[in-house]
Amino acid sequence: MNSRTGFLFADPSFAEGVGRLTDFSGALNRYNVSSSPRAADRRATRADWEMVGEDLRAAGKKLRGERKSKQRGR
C-alpha cells in the first residue's frame, strides 16, 4: 500500500500479525491517529489530490510516448 494512501490503516509487523490470530478481543489493533477529525480529513484530502496528480502525470507521460511512437512510424 502506498504510504500516502495507507496512513489511516494499521501496519502490523509479522509478529503482530501472528499475534492477531489469537486476539479475539481486538486488543492488538492500533491505528494511526491525527490530532483531530479535521486534521485527519485534511491529510486524507491532500493525499487524494496527490494521487490524482500522480495519475495525471503518468497519463501525460504515456500520451507523450504514444505520440512519439506514432511520429516515428510515419
Protein backbone atom coordinates (compact mmCIF):
# COMPACT_ATOMS: atom_id res chain seq x y z
CA MET A 1 0.00 0.00 0.00
CA ASN A 2 1.25 3.42 -0.86
CA SER A 3 2.47 5.43 2.14
CA ARG A 4 0.34 8.37 1.05
CA THR A 5 -2.87 6.37 0.92
CA GLY A 6 -2.33 3.83 3.67
CA PHE A 7 -1.60 6.11 6.60
CA LEU A 8 -5.04 5.54 8.16
CA PHE A 9 -4.57 1.78 8.33
CA ALA A 10 -2.65 -0.30 10.84
CA ASP A 11 0.63 -1.70 9.52
CA PRO A 12 1.44 -4.66 11.77
CA SER A 13 4.76 -6.47 11.80
CA PHE A 14 4.89 -10.20 11.09
CA ALA A 15 4.93 -10.99 14.83
CA GLU A 16 1.90 -8.73 15.42
CA GLY A 17 0.11 -10.46 12.55
CA VAL A 18 0.75 -13.85 14.13
CA GLY A 19 -0.47 -12.49 17.49
CA ARG A 20 -3.68 -11.24 15.88
CA LEU A 21 -4.59 -14.83 15.03
CA THR A 22 -5.48 -15.37 18.69
CA ASP A 23 -6.51 -11.81 19.57
CA PHE A 24 -10.27 -12.27 19.65
CA SER A 25 -10.85 -9.14 21.75
CA GLY A 26 -9.13 -6.76 19.31
CA ALA A 27 -6.66 -5.58 21.96
CA LEU A 28 -3.77 -5.56 19.47
CA ASN A 29 -5.47 -3.26 16.96
CA ARG A 30 -3.59 0.02 16.74
CA TYR A 31 -4.38 2.59 14.10
CA ASN A 32 -2.62 5.74 13.04
CA VAL A 33 -4.28 8.80 14.51
CA SER A 34 -4.48 12.51 13.80
CA SER A 35 -4.80 15.38 16.23
CA SER A 36 -8.45 15.95 15.25
CA PRO A 37 -11.05 14.73 12.76
CA ARG A 38 -10.46 17.90 10.74
CA ALA A 39 -6.70 17.24 10.59
CA ALA A 40 -7.34 13.64 9.51
CA ASP A 41 -9.71 14.84 6.78
CA ARG A 42 -7.21 17.46 5.60
CA ARG A 43 -4.46 14.86 5.45
CA ALA A 44 -6.66 12.38 3.56
CA THR A 45 -7.86 15.01 1.08
CA ARG A 46 -4.30 16.13 0.40
CA ALA A 47 -3.21 12.53 -0.15
CA ASP A 48 -6.14 12.00 -2.55
CA TRP A 49 -5.16 15.03 -4.64
CA GLU A 50 -1.50 14.00 -4.64
CA MET A 51 -2.53 10.63 -6.08
CA VAL A 52 -4.71 12.37 -8.70
CA GLY A 53 -1.66 14.44 -9.66
CA GLU A 54 0.47 11.31 -9.96
CA ASP A 55 -2.16 9.68 -12.17
CA LEU A 56 -2.31 12.75 -14.41
CA ARG A 57 1.49 12.87 -14.70
CA ALA A 58 1.59 9.16 -15.59
CA ALA A 59 -1.15 9.61 -18.21
CA GLY A 60 0.69 12.59 -19.72
CA LYS A 61 3.93 10.62 -19.88
CA LYS A 62 2.16 7.71 -21.56
CA LEU A 63 0.46 10.01 -24.06
CA ARG A 64 3.76 11.69 -24.95
CA GLY A 65 5.34 8.27 -25.50
CA GLU A 66 2.48 7.18 -27.76
CA ARG A 67 2.71 10.37 -29.77
CA LYS A 68 6.46 9.93 -30.23
CA SER A 69 5.93 6.34 -31.37
CA LYS A 70 3.32 7.44 -33.91
CA GLN A 71 5.60 10.17 -35.26
CA ARG A 72 8.46 7.69 -35.70
CA GLY A 73 6.16 5.30 -37.56
CA ARG A 74 5.17 7.83 -40.21
